PDB file of N, CA and C in Angstrom:
ATOM      1  N   MET A   1     102.757  95.972 109.718  1.00  0.00           N
ATOM      2  CA  MET A   1     101.890  97.139 109.537  1.00  0.00           C
ATOM      3  C   MET A   1     102.740  98.404 109.519  1.00  0.00           C
ATOM      4  N   THR A   2     102.589  99.214 108.512  1.00  0.00           N
ATOM      5  CA  THR A   2     103.317 100.479 108.414  1.00  0.00           C
ATOM      6  C   THR A   2     102.539 101.562 109.137  1.00  0.00           C
ATOM      7  N   THR A   3     103.242 102.347 109.926  1.00  0.00           N
ATOM      8  CA  THR A   3     102.560 103.425 110.622  1.00  0.00           C
ATOM      9  C   THR A   3     102.173 104.505 109.635  1.00  0.00           C
ATOM     10  N   ALA A   4     101.060 105.147 109.877  1.00  0.00           N
ATOM     11  CA  ALA A   4     100.580 106.198 108.982  1.00  0.00           C
ATOM     12  C   ALA A   4     100.993 107.574 109.473  1.00  0.00           C
ATOM     13  N   SER A   5     101.743 107.636 110.568  1.00  0.00           N
ATOM     14  CA  SER A   5     102.073 108.921 111.160  1.00  0.00           C
ATOM     15  C   SER A   5     103.013 109.750 110.291  1.00  0.00           C
ATOM     16  N   GLU A   6     103.867 109.086 109.532  1.00  0.00           N
ATOM     17  CA  GLU A   6     104.779 109.841 108.689  1.00  0.00           C
ATOM     18  C   GLU A   6     105.005 109.094 107.389  1.00  0.00           C
ATOM     19  N   CYS A   7     104.415 109.613 106.321  1.00  0.00           N
ATOM     20  CA  CYS A   7     104.562 109.010 104.998  1.00  0.00           C
ATOM     21  C   CYS A   7     104.761 110.128 103.985  1.00  0.00           C
ATOM     22  N   ILE A   8     105.771 109.974 103.161  1.00  0.00           N
ATOM     23  CA  ILE A   8     106.095 110.984 102.161  1.00  0.00           C
ATOM     24  C   ILE A   8     105.852 110.388 100.782  1.00  0.00           C
ATOM     25  N   GLU A   9     105.038 111.045  99.996  1.00  0.00           N
ATOM     26  CA  GLU A   9     104.768 110.595  98.628  1.00  0.00           C
ATOM     27  C   GLU A   9     105.731 111.294  97.679  1.00  0.00           C
ATOM     28  N   ILE A  10     106.299 110.513  96.772  1.00  0.00           N
ATOM     29  CA  ILE A  10     107.282 111.033  95.826  1.00  0.00           C
ATOM     30  C   ILE A  10     106.818 110.682  94.415  1.00  0.00           C
ATOM     31  N   ARG A  11     106.656 111.703  93.578  1.00  0.00           N
ATOM     32  CA  ARG A  11     106.277 111.513  92.171  1.00  0.00           C
ATOM     33  C   ARG A  11     107.237 112.340  91.328  1.00  0.00           C
ATOM     34  N   VAL A  12     107.928 111.668  90.415  1.00  0.00           N
ATOM     35  CA  VAL A  12     108.926 112.344  89.574  1.00  0.00           C
ATOM     36  C   VAL A  12     108.894 111.787  88.159  1.00  0.00           C
ATOM     37  N   ASP A  13     109.514 112.547  87.247  1.00  0.00           N
ATOM     38  CA  ASP A  13     109.598 112.136  85.846  1.00  0.00           C
ATOM     39  C   ASP A  13     111.016 111.788  85.410  1.00  0.00           C
ATOM     40  N   SER A  14     112.021 112.072  86.263  1.00  0.00           N
ATOM     41  CA  SER A  14     113.403 111.792  85.862  1.00  0.00           C
ATOM     42  C   SER A  14     114.148 111.056  86.969  1.00  0.00           C
ATOM     43  N   ARG A  15     115.106 110.251  86.570  1.00  0.00           N
ATOM     44  CA  ARG A  15     115.897 109.465  87.520  1.00  0.00           C
ATOM     45  C   ARG A  15     116.685 110.360  88.472  1.00  0.00           C
ATOM     46  N   ARG A  16     117.250 111.459  87.957  1.00  0.00           N
ATOM     47  CA  ARG A  16     118.021 112.379  88.799  1.00  0.00           C
ATOM     48  C   ARG A  16     117.153 112.945  89.907  1.00  0.00           C
ATOM     49  N   LEU A  17     115.952 113.382  89.548  1.00  0.00           N
ATOM     50  CA  LEU A  17     115.032 113.907  90.556  1.00  0.00           C
ATOM     51  C   LEU A  17     114.627 112.817  91.543  1.00  0.00           C
ATOM     52  N   LEU A  18     114.437 111.613  91.058  1.00  0.00           N
ATOM     53  CA  LEU A  18     114.057 110.515  91.938  1.00  0.00           C
ATOM     54  C   LEU A  18     115.117 110.289  93.007  1.00  0.00           C
ATOM     55  N   ASP A  19     116.366 110.186  92.604  1.00  0.00           N
ATOM     56  CA  ASP A  19     117.441 109.984  93.575  1.00  0.00           C
ATOM     57  C   ASP A  19     117.487 111.101  94.604  1.00  0.00           C
ATOM     58  N   ASP A  20     117.383 112.344  94.159  1.00  0.00           N
ATOM     59  CA  ASP A  20     117.401 113.489  95.069  1.00  0.00           C
ATOM     60  C   ASP A  20     116.235 113.438  96.049  1.00  0.00           C
ATOM     61  N   ARG A  21     115.032 113.187  95.555  1.00  0.00           N
ATOM     62  CA  ARG A  21     113.840 113.176  96.410  1.00  0.00           C
ATOM     63  C   ARG A  21     113.849 112.009  97.395  1.00  0.00           C
ATOM     64  N   LEU A  22     114.288 110.831  96.931  1.00  0.00           N
ATOM     65  CA  LEU A  22     114.365 109.682  97.837  1.00  0.00           C
ATOM     66  C   LEU A  22     115.385 109.935  98.942  1.00  0.00           C
ATOM     67  N   ASN A  23     116.550 110.469  98.585  1.00  0.00           N
ATOM     68  CA  ASN A  23     117.570 110.775  99.592  1.00  0.00           C
ATOM     69  C   ASN A  23     117.066 111.795 100.599  1.00  0.00           C
ATOM     70  N   GLU A  24     116.386 112.811 100.120  1.00  0.00           N
ATOM     71  CA  GLU A  24     115.829 113.852 100.995  1.00  0.00           C
ATOM     72  C   GLU A  24     114.787 113.248 101.951  1.00  0.00           C
ATOM     73  N   ALA A  25     113.916 112.405 101.433  1.00  0.00           N
ATOM     74  CA  ALA A  25     112.879 111.779 102.258  1.00  0.00           C
ATOM     75  C   ALA A  25     113.496 110.872 103.314  1.00  0.00           C
ATOM     76  N   VAL A  26     114.480 110.069 102.929  1.00  0.00           N
ATOM     77  CA  VAL A  26     115.115 109.156 103.883  1.00  0.00           C
ATOM     78  C   VAL A  26     115.820 109.942 104.991  1.00  0.00           C
ATOM     79  N   LYS A  27     116.524 110.992 104.645  1.00  0.00           N
ATOM     80  CA  LYS A  27     117.211 111.804 105.662  1.00  0.00           C
ATOM     81  C   LYS A  27     116.216 112.394 106.657  1.00  0.00           C
ATOM     82  N   GLY A  28     115.099 112.901 106.162  1.00  0.00           N
ATOM     83  CA  GLY A  28     114.084 113.459 107.055  1.00  0.00           C
ATOM     84  C   GLY A  28     113.474 112.398 107.957  1.00  0.00           C
ATOM     85  N   LEU A  29     113.199 111.229 107.393  1.00  0.00           N
ATOM     86  CA  LEU A  29     112.627 110.147 108.192  1.00  0.00           C
ATOM     87  C   LEU A  29     113.635 109.594 109.191  1.00  0.00           C
ATOM     88  N   GLN A  30     114.911 109.600 108.856  1.00  0.00           N
ATOM     89  CA  GLN A  30     115.933 109.156 109.801  1.00  0.00           C
ATOM     90  C   GLN A  30     115.935 110.046 111.035  1.00  0.00           C
ATOM     91  N   ARG A  31     115.791 111.349 110.833  1.00  0.00           N
ATOM     92  CA  ARG A  31     115.740 112.274 111.978  1.00  0.00           C
ATOM     93  C   ARG A  31     114.543 111.956 112.870  1.00  0.00           C
ATOM     94  N   LEU A  32     113.388 111.686 112.260  1.00  0.00           N
ATOM     95  CA  LEU A  32     112.202 111.346 113.044  1.00  0.00           C
ATOM     96  C   LEU A  32     112.362 110.004 113.754  1.00  0.00           C
ATOM     97  N   ALA A  33     112.942 109.030 113.071  1.00  0.00           N
ATOM     98  CA  ALA A  33     113.132 107.708 113.669  1.00  0.00           C
ATOM     99  C   ALA A  33     114.037 107.766 114.893  1.00  0.00           C
ATOM    100  N   MET A  34     114.997 108.659 114.886  1.00  0.00           N
ATOM    101  CA  MET A  34     115.908 108.799 116.013  1.00  0.00           C
ATOM    102  C   MET A  34     115.187 109.237 117.287  1.00  0.00           C
ATOM    103  N   LEU A  35     114.053 109.884 117.144  1.00  0.00           N
ATOM    104  CA  LEU A  35     113.315 110.354 118.320  1.00  0.00           C
ATOM    105  C   LEU A  35     112.754 109.208 119.148  1.00  0.00           C
ATOM    106  N   THR A  36     112.360 108.122 118.499  1.00  0.00           N
ATOM    107  CA  THR A  36     111.766 107.008 119.230  1.00  0.00           C
ATOM    108  C   THR A  36     112.654 105.775 119.255  1.00  0.00           C
ATOM    109  N   GLY A  37     113.445 105.583 118.220  1.00  0.00           N
ATOM    110  CA  GLY A  37     114.313 104.420 118.154  1.00  0.00           C
ATOM    111  C   GLY A  37     113.565 103.110 117.969  1.00  0.00           C
ATOM    112  N   THR A  38     112.360 103.172 117.404  1.00  0.00           N
ATOM    113  CA  THR A  38     111.542 101.962 117.278  1.00  0.00           C
ATOM    114  C   THR A  38     111.154 101.612 115.845  1.00  0.00           C
ATOM    115  N   HIS A  39     111.333 102.508 114.902  1.00  0.00           N
ATOM    116  CA  HIS A  39     110.884 102.257 113.528  1.00  0.00           C
ATOM    117  C   HIS A  39     112.033 102.407 112.540  1.00  0.00           C
ATOM    118  N   GLY A  40     111.959 101.599 111.481  1.00  0.00           N
ATOM    119  CA  GLY A  40     112.865 101.752 110.357  1.00  0.00           C
ATOM    120  C   GLY A  40     112.133 102.480 109.239  1.00  0.00           C
ATOM    121  N   ILE A  41     112.723 102.472 108.066  1.00  0.00           N
ATOM    122  CA  ILE A  41     112.160 103.193 106.923  1.00  0.00           C
ATOM    123  C   ILE A  41     111.827 102.201 105.821  1.00  0.00           C
ATOM    124  N   LEU A  42     110.632 102.333 105.286  1.00  0.00           N
ATOM    125  CA  LEU A  42     110.178 101.485 104.186  1.00  0.00           C
ATOM    126  C   LEU A  42     109.954 102.347 102.954  1.00  0.00           C
ATOM    127  N   LEU A  43     110.697 102.043 101.873  1.00  0.00           N
ATOM    128  CA  LEU A  43     110.500 102.705 100.588  1.00  0.00           C
ATOM    129  C   LEU A  43     109.679 101.769  99.719  1.00  0.00           C
ATOM    130  N   THR A  44     108.576 102.271  99.163  1.00  0.00           N
ATOM    131  CA  THR A  44     107.709 101.439  98.332  1.00  0.00           C
ATOM    132  C   THR A  44     107.598 102.040  96.944  1.00  0.00           C
ATOM    133  N   ARG A  45     107.887 101.212  95.936  1.00  0.00           N
ATOM    134  CA  ARG A  45     107.717 101.624  94.544  1.00  0.00           C
ATOM    135  C   ARG A  45     106.348 101.127  94.098  1.00  0.00           C
ATOM    136  N   HIS A  46     105.451 102.070  93.822  1.00  0.00           N
ATOM    137  CA  HIS A  46     104.097 101.730  93.398  1.00  0.00           C
ATOM    138  C   HIS A  46     104.019 101.521  91.891  1.00  0.00           C
ATOM    139  N   ARG A  47     104.767 102.337  91.160  1.00  0.00           N
ATOM    140  CA  ARG A  47     104.894 102.243  89.710  1.00  0.00           C
ATOM    141  C   ARG A  47     106.047 103.177  89.332  1.00  0.00           C
ATOM    142  N   PRO A  48     106.531 103.129  88.107  1.00  0.00           N
ATOM    143  CA  PRO A  48     107.646 104.002  87.746  1.00  0.00           C
ATOM    144  C   PRO A  48     107.344 105.473  88.059  1.00  0.00           C
ATOM    145  N   GLY A  49     108.252 106.086  88.788  1.00  0.00           N
ATOM    146  CA  GLY A  49     108.102 107.497  89.131  1.00  0.00           C
ATOM    147  C   GLY A  49     107.197 107.791  90.303  1.00  0.00           C
ATOM    148  N   HIS A  50     106.617 106.768  90.943  1.00  0.00           N
ATOM    149  CA  HIS A  50     105.721 106.976  92.083  1.00  0.00           C
ATOM    150  C   HIS A  50     106.159 106.084  93.237  1.00  0.00           C
ATOM    151  N   TYR A  51     106.621 106.726  94.304  1.00  0.00           N
ATOM    152  CA  TYR A  51     107.139 106.037  95.480  1.00  0.00           C
ATOM    153  C   TYR A  51     106.534 106.651  96.741  1.00  0.00           C
ATOM    154  N   THR A  52     106.591 105.880  97.827  1.00  0.00           N
ATOM    155  CA  THR A  52     106.334 106.434  99.148  1.00  0.00           C
ATOM    156  C   THR A  52     107.495 106.032 100.045  1.00  0.00           C
ATOM    157  N   ALA A  53     107.787 106.894 100.995  1.00  0.00           N
ATOM    158  CA  ALA A  53     108.790 106.633 102.022  1.00  0.00           C
ATOM    159  C   ALA A  53     108.085 106.829 103.352  1.00  0.00           C
ATOM    160  N   ALA A  54     108.193 105.826 104.238  1.00  0.00           N
ATOM    161  CA  ALA A  54     107.437 105.887 105.490  1.00  0.00           C
ATOM    162  C   ALA A  54     108.199 105.230 106.624  1.00  0.00           C
ATOM    163  N   LEU A  55     107.933 105.703 107.834  1.00  0.00           N
ATOM    164  CA  LEU A  55     108.393 104.999 109.021  1.00  0.00           C
ATOM    165  C   LEU A  55     107.543 103.745 109.145  1.00  0.00           C
ATOM    166  N   SER A  56     108.177 102.630 109.512  1.00  0.00           N
ATOM    167  CA  SER A  56     107.453 101.373 109.592  1.00  0.00           C
ATOM    168  C   SER A  56     107.892 100.572 110.809  1.00  0.00           C
ATOM    169  N   ASP A  57     106.914 100.030 111.539  1.00  0.00           N
ATOM    170  CA  ASP A  57     107.241  99.166 112.665  1.00  0.00           C
ATOM    171  C   ASP A  57     107.615  97.764 112.192  1.00  0.00           C
ATOM    172  N   GLN A  58     107.499  97.498 110.900  1.00  0.00           N
ATOM    173  CA  GLN A  58     107.888  96.210 110.331  1.00  0.00           C
ATOM    174  C   GLN A  58     109.343  96.195 109.852  1.00  0.00           C
ATOM    175  N   VAL A  59     110.000  97.346 109.928  1.00  0.00           N
ATOM    176  CA  VAL A  59     111.408  97.460 109.561  1.00  0.00           C
ATOM    177  C   VAL A  59     112.170  97.800 110.838  1.00  0.00           C
ATOM    178  N   PRO A  60     113.210  97.026 111.157  1.00  0.00           N
ATOM    179  CA  PRO A  60     113.964  97.297 112.380  1.00  0.00           C
ATOM    180  C   PRO A  60     114.567  98.706 112.383  1.00  0.00           C
ATOM    181  N   PHE A  61     114.603  99.297 113.557  1.00  0.00           N
ATOM    182  CA  PHE A  61     115.216 100.610 113.724  1.00  0.00           C
ATOM    183  C   PHE A  61     116.640 100.581 113.164  1.00  0.00           C
ATOM    184  N   GLY A  62     116.990 101.628 112.421  1.00  0.00           N
ATOM    185  CA  GLY A  62     118.325 101.740 111.848  1.00  0.00           C
ATOM    186  C   GLY A  62     118.453 101.140 110.460  1.00  0.00           C
ATOM    187  N   MET A  63     117.362 100.554 109.960  1.00  0.00           N
ATOM    188  CA  MET A  63     117.399  99.938 108.629  1.00  0.00           C
ATOM    189  C   MET A  63     116.436 100.617 107.676  1.00  0.00           C
ATOM    190  N   THR A  64     116.737 100.502 106.387  1.00  0.00           N
ATOM    191  CA  THR A  64     115.850 100.975 105.332  1.00  0.00           C
ATOM    192  C   THR A  64     115.619  99.794 104.390  1.00  0.00           C
ATOM    193  N   ARG A  65     114.361  99.512 104.092  1.00  0.00           N
ATOM    194  CA  ARG A  65     114.025  98.424 103.176  1.00  0.00           C
ATOM    195  C   ARG A  65     113.226  98.980 102.012  1.00  0.00           C
ATOM    196  N   GLU A  66     113.328  98.291 100.882  1.00  0.00           N
ATOM    197  CA  GLU A  66     112.615  98.681  99.677  1.00  0.00           C
ATOM    198  C   GLU A  66     111.602  97.598  99.303  1.00  0.00           C
ATOM    199  N   LEU A  67     110.410  98.028  98.942  1.00  0.00           N
ATOM    200  CA  LEU A  67     109.349  97.124  98.532  1.00  0.00           C
ATOM    201  C   LEU A  67     108.850  97.562  97.160  1.00  0.00           C
ATOM    202  N   VAL A  68     108.776  96.623  96.238  1.00  0.00           N
ATOM    203  CA  VAL A  68     108.207  96.910  94.915  1.00  0.00           C
ATOM    204  C   VAL A  68     106.802  96.359  94.919  1.00  0.00           C
ATOM    205  N   HIS A  69     105.849  97.228  94.709  1.00  0.00           N
ATOM    206  CA  HIS A  69     104.431  96.854  94.754  1.00  0.00           C
ATOM    207  C   HIS A  69     103.979  96.336  93.432  1.00  0.00           C
TER     208      HIS A  69
END
């Protein structure tokens, strides 16, 4: 189960913007994850150009996983 407390939606039209936005989201979520030390980061691709990045209790602390929906 992914926690709903922190989820960032990312919608872009170019690969360059996607990389920048994903990196920015992961860095921000890493800072939040450090506060509790209990959640990792789950990146989900919903469709081309539409992603979410979220703290997840299903991902071990210190890890980032990618899910293609």
